[in-house]
PDB file of N, CA and C in Angstrom:
ATOM      1  N   MET A   1     102.446  95.941  83.041  1.00  0.00           N
ATOM      2  CA  MET A   1     103.228  97.040  82.544  1.00  0.00           C
ATOM      3  C   MET A   1     102.528  98.362  82.965  1.00  0.00           C
ATOM      4  N   GLU A   2     101.247  98.355  82.839  1.00  0.00           N
ATOM      5  CA  GLU A   2     100.488  99.576  83.084  1.00  0.00           C
ATOM      6  C   GLU A   2     100.643 100.089  84.466  1.00  0.00           C
ATOM      7  N   ILE A   3     100.681  99.170  85.440  1.00  0.00           N
ATOM      8  CA  ILE A   3     101.016  99.526  86.862  1.00  0.00           C
ATOM      9  C   ILE A   3     102.229 100.246  87.096  1.00  0.00           C
ATOM     10  N   ILE A   4     103.286  99.971  86.418  1.00  0.00           N
ATOM     11  CA  ILE A   4     104.554 100.814  86.625  1.00  0.00           C
ATOM     12  C   ILE A   4     104.282 102.198  86.330  1.00  0.00           C
ATOM     13  N   TYR A   5     103.527 102.522  85.330  1.00  0.00           N
ATOM     14  CA  TYR A   5     103.163 103.958  84.878  1.00  0.00           C
ATOM     15  C   TYR A   5     102.376 104.492  85.802  1.00  0.00           C
ATOM     16  N   VAL A   6     101.460 103.764  86.413  1.00  0.00           N
ATOM     17  CA  VAL A   6     100.476 104.309  87.595  1.00  0.00           C
ATOM     18  C   VAL A   6     101.414 104.660  88.800  1.00  0.00           C
ATOM     19  N   LEU A   7     102.172 103.674  89.233  1.00  0.00           N
ATOM     20  CA  LEU A   7     102.982 103.903  90.366  1.00  0.00           C
ATOM     21  C   LEU A   7     104.087 105.020  90.131  1.00  0.00           C
ATOM     22  N   LEU A   8     104.620 105.114  88.907  1.00  0.00           N
ATOM     23  CA  LEU A   8     105.496 106.238  88.680  1.00  0.00           C
ATOM     24  C   LEU A   8     104.788 107.633  88.860  1.00  0.00           C
ATOM     25  N   GLY A   9     103.640 107.652  88.442  1.00  0.00           N
ATOM     26  CA  GLY A   9     102.924 108.962  88.374  1.00  0.00           C
ATOM     27  C   GLY A   9     102.457 109.247  89.903  1.00  0.00           C
ATOM     28  N   ILE A  10     102.096 108.277  90.670  1.00  0.00           N
ATOM     29  CA  ILE A  10     101.770 108.472  91.994  1.00  0.00           C
ATOM     30  C   ILE A  10     103.079 108.849  92.806  1.00  0.00           C
ATOM     31  N   SER A  11     104.233 108.296  92.595  1.00  0.00           N
ATOM     32  CA  SER A  11     105.463 108.617  93.231  1.00  0.00           C
ATOM     33  C   SER A  11     105.907 110.061  92.880  1.00  0.00           C
ATOM     34  N   LEU A  12     105.736 110.374  91.667  1.00  0.00           N
ATOM     35  CA  LEU A  12     106.091 111.705  91.220  1.00  0.00           C
ATOM     36  C   LEU A  12     105.233 112.868  91.943  1.00  0.00           C
ATOM     37  N   LEU A  13     103.969 112.479  91.942  1.00  0.00           N
ATOM     38  CA  LEU A  13     103.000 113.382  92.555  1.00  0.00           C
ATOM     39  C   LEU A  13     103.269 113.472  94.094  1.00  0.00           C
ATOM     40  N   ALA A  14     103.615 112.422  94.762  1.00  0.00           N
ATOM     41  CA  ALA A  14     103.994 112.518  96.087  1.00  0.00           C
ATOM     42  C   ALA A  14     105.190 113.203  96.324  1.00  0.00           C
ATOM     43  N   ALA A  15     106.215 113.026  95.500  1.00  0.00           N
ATOM     44  CA  ALA A  15     107.530 113.673  95.678  1.00  0.00           C
ATOM     45  C   ALA A  15     107.380 115.254  95.425  1.00  0.00           C
ATOM     46  N   LEU A  16     106.561 115.646  94.447  1.00  0.00           N
ATOM     47  CA  LEU A  16     106.271 117.042  94.185  1.00  0.00           C
ATOM     48  C   LEU A  16     105.531 117.717  95.313  1.00  0.00           C
ATOM     49  N   SER A  17     104.639 117.019  95.842  1.00  0.00           N
ATOM     50  CA  SER A  17     103.893 117.589  97.094  1.00  0.00           C
ATOM     51  C   SER A  17     104.780 117.723  98.251  1.00  0.00           C
ATOM     52  N   PHE A  18     105.677 116.845  98.500  1.00  0.00           N
ATOM     53  CA  PHE A  18     106.586 117.082  99.649  1.00  0.00           C
ATOM     54  C   PHE A  18     107.593 118.057  99.330  1.00  0.00           C
ATOM     55  N   LEU A  19     107.965 118.226  98.179  1.00  0.00           N
ATOM     56  CA  LEU A  19     108.943 119.380  97.663  1.00  0.00           C
ATOM     57  C   LEU A  19     108.207 120.673  97.841  1.00  0.00           C
ATOM     58  N   ALA A  20     106.916 120.779  97.426  1.00  0.00           N
ATOM     59  CA  ALA A  20     106.209 122.037  97.622  1.00  0.00           C
ATOM     60  C   ALA A  20     106.087 122.451  99.111  1.00  0.00           C
ATOM     61  N   GLY A  21     105.772 121.396 100.012  1.00  0.00           N
ATOM     62  CA  GLY A  21     105.639 121.604 101.351  1.00  0.00           C
ATOM     63  C   GLY A  21     106.886 122.169 101.914  1.00  0.00           C
ATOM     64  N   PHE A  22     108.076 121.528 101.454  1.00  0.00           N
ATOM     65  CA  PHE A  22     109.245 122.029 102.013  1.00  0.00           C
ATOM     66  C   PHE A  22     109.671 123.349 101.781  1.00  0.00           C
ATOM     67  N   ILE A  23     109.442 123.652 100.307  1.00  0.00           N
ATOM     68  CA  ILE A  23     109.727 125.021  99.944  1.00  0.00           C
ATOM     69  C   ILE A  23     108.719 126.077 100.610  1.00  0.00           C
ATOM     70  N   TRP A  24     107.474 125.750 100.878  1.00  0.00           N
ATOM     71  CA  TRP A  24     106.551 126.616 101.609  1.00  0.00           C
ATOM     72  C   TRP A  24     107.170 126.822 103.014  1.00  0.00           C
ATOM     73  N   SER A  25     107.628 125.789 103.667  1.00  0.00           N
ATOM     74  CA  SER A  25     108.043 125.972 105.026  1.00  0.00           C
ATOM     75  C   SER A  25     109.253 126.725 105.156  1.00  0.00           C
ATOM     76  N   ILE A  26     110.166 126.696 104.165  1.00  0.00           N
ATOM     77  CA  ILE A  26     111.274 127.573 104.113  1.00  0.00           C
ATOM     78  C   ILE A  26     110.928 129.008 103.882  1.00  0.00           C
ATOM     79  N   LYS A  27     109.999 129.193 102.941  1.00  0.00           N
ATOM     80  CA  LYS A  27     109.551 130.726 102.696  1.00  0.00           C
ATOM     81  C   LYS A  27     108.757 131.366 103.989  1.00  0.00           C
ATOM     82  N   THR A  28     108.213 130.414 104.654  1.00  0.00           N
ATOM     83  CA  THR A  28     107.453 131.079 105.864  1.00  0.00           C
ATOM     84  C   THR A  28     108.320 131.069 107.110  1.00  0.00           C
ATOM     85  N   GLY A  29     109.575 130.662 106.974  1.00  0.00           N
ATOM     86  CA  GLY A  29     110.482 130.889 108.141  1.00  0.00           C
ATOM     87  C   GLY A  29     110.438 129.894 109.261  1.00  0.00           C
ATOM     88  N   GLN A  30     110.103 128.569 108.838  1.00  0.00           N
ATOM     89  CA  GLN A  30     109.943 127.586 109.775  1.00  0.00           C
ATOM     90  C   GLN A  30     111.487 127.123 110.311  1.00  0.00           C
ATOM     91  N   PHE A  31     112.448 127.381 109.612  1.00  0.00           N
ATOM     92  CA  PHE A  31     113.853 126.820 109.852  1.00  0.00           C
ATOM     93  C   PHE A  31     114.813 127.929 110.178  1.00  0.00           C
ATOM     94  N   GLU A  32     114.256 129.164 110.487  1.00  0.00           N
ATOM     95  CA  GLU A  32     115.150 130.306 110.725  1.00  0.00           C
ATOM     96  C   GLU A  32     115.881 130.245 112.125  1.00  0.00           C
ATOM     97  N   ASP A  33     115.265 129.740 113.252  1.00  0.00           N
ATOM     98  CA  ASP A  33     115.802 129.707 114.441  1.00  0.00           C
ATOM     99  C   ASP A  33     116.254 128.164 114.837  1.00  0.00           C
ATOM    100  N   ASP A  34     117.432 127.981 114.615  1.00  0.00           N
ATOM    101  CA  ASP A  34     117.916 126.659 115.009  1.00  0.00           C
ATOM    102  C   ASP A  34     118.837 126.544 116.321  1.00  0.00           C
ATOM    103  N   TYR A  35     118.810 127.614 116.922  1.00  0.00           N
ATOM    104  CA  TYR A  35     119.692 127.575 118.113  1.00  0.00           C
ATOM    105  C   TYR A  35     118.877 127.456 119.483  1.00  0.00           C
ATOM    106  N   THR A  36     117.768 128.350 119.509  1.00  0.00           N
ATOM    107  CA  THR A  36     116.892 128.373 120.646  1.00  0.00           C
ATOM    108  C   THR A  36     116.321 127.057 121.045  1.00  0.00           C
ATOM    109  N   PRO A  37     115.579 126.198 120.253  1.00  0.00           N
ATOM    110  CA  PRO A  37     115.124 124.949 120.814  1.00  0.00           C
ATOM    111  C   PRO A  37     116.092 124.096 121.536  1.00  0.00           C
ATOM    112  N   GLY A  38     117.398 124.110 121.080  1.00  0.00           N
ATOM    113  CA  GLY A  38     118.399 123.282 121.768  1.00  0.00           C
ATOM    114  C   GLY A  38     118.740 123.605 123.176  1.00  0.00           C
ATOM    115  N   VAL A  39     118.570 125.010 123.525  1.00  0.00           N
ATOM    116  CA  VAL A  39     118.953 125.489 124.713  1.00  0.00           C
ATOM    117  C   VAL A  39     117.760 126.097 125.581  1.00  0.00           C
ATOM    118  N   ARG A  40     116.549 125.864 125.026  1.00  0.00           N
ATOM    119  CA  ARG A  40     115.353 126.266 125.716  1.00  0.00           C
ATOM    120  C   ARG A  40     115.253 125.709 127.047  1.00  0.00           C
ATOM    121  N   MET A  41     115.669 124.365 127.378  1.00  0.00           N
ATOM    122  CA  MET A  41     115.562 123.729 128.539  1.00  0.00           C
ATOM    123  C   MET A  41     116.473 124.184 129.561  1.00  0.00           C
ATOM    124  N   LEU A  42     117.537 124.824 129.049  1.00  0.00           N
ATOM    125  CA  LEU A  42     118.483 125.471 130.114  1.00  0.00           C
ATOM    126  C   LEU A  42     118.013 126.797 130.631  1.00  0.00           C
ATOM    127  N   PHE A  43     117.060 127.364 130.113  1.00  0.00           N
ATOM    128  CA  PHE A  43     116.666 128.690 130.694  1.00  0.00           C
ATOM    129  C   PHE A  43     115.772 128.522 131.985  1.00  0.00           C
ATOM    130  N   ASP A  44     115.860 129.588 132.867  1.00  0.00           N
ATOM    131  CA  ASP A  44     115.177 129.479 134.053  1.00  0.00           C
ATOM    132  C   ASP A  44     113.770 130.078 133.866  1.00  0.00           C
ATOM    133  N   ASP A  45     112.805 129.267 134.421  1.00  0.00           N
ATOM    134  CA  ASP A  45     111.351 129.815 134.172  1.00  0.00           C
ATOM    135  C   ASP A  45     110.883 130.206 135.477  1.00  0.00           C
ATOM    136  N   LYS A  46     111.686 130.779 136.317  1.00  0.00           N
ATOM    137  CA  LYS A  46     111.071 131.370 137.658  1.00  0.00           C
ATOM    138  C   LYS A  46     110.274 132.571 137.367  1.00  0.00           C
ATOM    139  N   GLU A  47     110.503 133.464 136.391  1.00  0.00           N
ATOM    140  CA  GLU A  47     109.552 134.555 136.166  1.00  0.00           C
ATOM    141  C   GLU A  47     108.244 134.149 135.783  1.00  0.00           C
ATOM    142  N   ASN A  48     108.074 133.169 135.008  1.00  0.00           N
ATOM    143  CA  ASN A  48     106.815 132.719 134.589  1.00  0.00           C
ATOM    144  C   ASN A  48     106.011 132.119 135.729  1.00  0.00           C
ATOM    145  N   LYS A  49     106.717 131.388 136.628  1.00  0.00           N
ATOM    146  CA  LYS A  49     106.003 130.754 137.846  1.00  0.00           C
ATOM    147  C   LYS A  49     105.572 131.800 138.789  1.00  0.00           C
ATOM    148  N   GLU A  50     106.361 132.841 138.961  1.00  0.00           N
ATOM    149  CA  GLU A  50     105.918 133.899 140.001  1.00  0.00           C
ATOM    150  C   GLU A  50     104.870 134.722 139.485  1.00  0.00           C
ATOM    151  N   THR A  51     104.816 135.000 138.191  1.00  0.00           N
ATOM    152  CA  THR A  51     103.777 135.770 137.611  1.00  0.00           C
ATOM    153  C   THR A  51     102.376 135.066 137.618  1.00  0.00           C
ATOM    154  N   ASN A  52     102.479 133.668 137.557  1.00  0.00           N
ATOM    155  CA  ASN A  52     101.151 132.917 137.425  1.00  0.00           C
ATOM    156  C   ASN A  52     100.546 132.751 138.930  1.00  0.00           C
ATOM    157  N   ASN A  53     101.350 132.950 139.907  1.00  0.00           N
ATOM    158  CA  ASN A  53     100.909 132.728 141.383  1.00  0.00           C
ATOM    159  C   ASN A  53     100.116 134.017 141.865  1.00  0.00           C
TER     160      ASN A  53
END
């Protein structure tokens, strides 16, 4: 029966740490730009290649 209490405590600790990480990522702006990554492969990179040569 004691193992249930230990596992419950560990699972709550893990859940709270994931929640804290999620809240931190929202506050630092990790999820603000959801449009650009989907169309980044469609952009032409000719300017970057010409400046590197």
